[in-house]
Amino acid sequence: MAYRSTPHFKPPLTIIIPYGLKSWLECLCRAILIEGPSQIPEFIAAYSVELLQFREHKPLMDTKDVTHLYQEIRGKEYSFSHCI
């Protein structure tokens, strides 16, 4: 066990995640699992472009809230289109 007095002790690294990235990844993964795209890289690109376009209509809304609202609306549209 390394102690602070030893020259080889290195404190654990702290990773700083940009604000909203965790929410975006959660919603993106949920969309991938629900929709099951055959081409995931293309799906991620299209999802991101659509989210950015959606965000343009909600400029004062918090980034995380926009991401979750977009996912909620997208999920309802996907469910509705597959019920028909």
Protein backbone atom coordinates (compact mmCIF):
# COMPACT_ATOMS: atom_id res chain seq x y z
CA MET A 1 0.00 0.00 0.00
CA ALA A 2 1.41 3.38 -1.00
CA TYR A 3 1.47 6.14 1.56
CA ARG A 4 1.62 9.85 0.92
CA SER A 5 5.22 9.94 2.12
CA THR A 6 6.39 7.56 -0.61
CA PRO A 7 7.71 9.11 -3.82
CA HIS A 8 5.47 6.85 -5.96
CA PHE A 9 2.14 8.02 -4.56
CA LYS A 10 -0.09 9.60 -7.18
CA PRO A 11 -3.51 10.96 -6.23
CA PRO A 12 -6.47 9.72 -8.30
CA LEU A 13 -7.17 11.72 -11.42
CA THR A 14 -10.21 13.93 -11.54
CA ILE A 15 -12.05 13.95 -14.83
CA ILE A 16 -14.14 17.00 -15.59
CA ILE A 17 -17.11 16.20 -17.80
CA PRO A 18 -18.60 19.10 -19.77
CA TYR A 19 -22.01 20.24 -18.55
CA GLY A 20 -24.80 18.29 -20.25
CA LEU A 21 -22.59 15.53 -21.70
CA LYS A 22 -23.84 12.89 -19.26
CA SER A 23 -27.48 13.72 -20.05
CA TRP A 24 -26.77 13.66 -23.78
CA LEU A 25 -25.05 10.26 -23.54
CA GLU A 26 -27.89 8.81 -21.44
CA CYS A 27 -30.54 10.00 -23.89
CA LEU A 28 -28.52 8.93 -26.92
CA CYS A 29 -27.99 5.43 -25.51
CA ARG A 30 -31.68 5.16 -24.66
CA ALA A 31 -32.60 6.15 -28.23
CA ILE A 32 -30.17 3.59 -29.65
CA LEU A 33 -31.63 0.83 -27.47
CA ILE A 34 -35.23 1.76 -28.29
CA GLU A 35 -34.85 2.41 -32.01
CA GLY A 36 -32.18 -0.22 -32.75
CA PRO A 37 -30.47 1.47 -35.71
CA SER A 38 -28.39 -0.69 -38.04
CA GLN A 39 -25.79 2.07 -38.57
CA ILE A 40 -24.98 3.53 -35.15
CA PRO A 41 -22.43 6.17 -36.27
CA GLU A 42 -24.91 7.59 -38.79
CA PHE A 43 -27.66 7.45 -36.16
CA ILE A 44 -25.50 9.41 -33.68
CA ALA A 45 -24.77 12.05 -36.33
CA ALA A 46 -28.45 12.43 -37.27
CA TYR A 47 -29.54 12.44 -33.62
CA SER A 48 -27.03 15.18 -32.80
CA VAL A 49 -28.05 17.36 -35.77
CA GLU A 50 -31.74 17.00 -34.89
CA LEU A 51 -31.03 17.82 -31.23
CA LEU A 52 -29.12 20.97 -32.22
CA GLN A 53 -32.01 22.04 -34.47
CA PHE A 54 -34.46 21.37 -31.62
CA ARG A 55 -32.29 23.41 -29.24
CA GLU A 56 -32.37 26.41 -31.59
CA HIS A 57 -36.11 26.72 -30.85
CA LYS A 58 -35.48 26.68 -27.08
CA PRO A 59 -32.53 29.09 -26.62
CA LEU A 60 -33.32 29.99 -23.00
CA MET A 61 -33.84 26.42 -21.81
CA ASP A 62 -31.15 24.60 -19.84
CA THR A 63 -29.00 22.21 -21.89
CA LYS A 64 -29.93 19.15 -19.82
CA ASP A 65 -33.62 20.01 -19.92
CA VAL A 66 -33.55 20.46 -23.70
CA THR A 67 -31.84 17.08 -24.09
CA HIS A 68 -34.39 15.28 -21.92
CA LEU A 69 -37.35 17.04 -23.55
CA TYR A 70 -36.05 16.15 -27.01
CA GLN A 71 -35.67 12.50 -25.97
CA GLU A 72 -39.18 12.45 -24.50
CA ILE A 73 -40.72 13.88 -27.68
CA ARG A 74 -38.63 11.62 -29.91
CA GLY A 75 -39.62 8.56 -27.87
CA LYS A 76 -43.31 9.38 -28.17
CA GLU A 77 -43.00 9.92 -31.93
CA TYR A 78 -41.13 6.62 -32.32
CA SER A 79 -43.71 4.72 -30.25
CA PHE A 80 -46.58 6.29 -32.18
CA SER A 81 -45.04 5.53 -35.59
CA HIS A 82 -44.57 1.87 -34.67
CA CYS A 83 -48.12 1.44 -33.36
CA ILE A 84 -49.60 2.20 -36.78
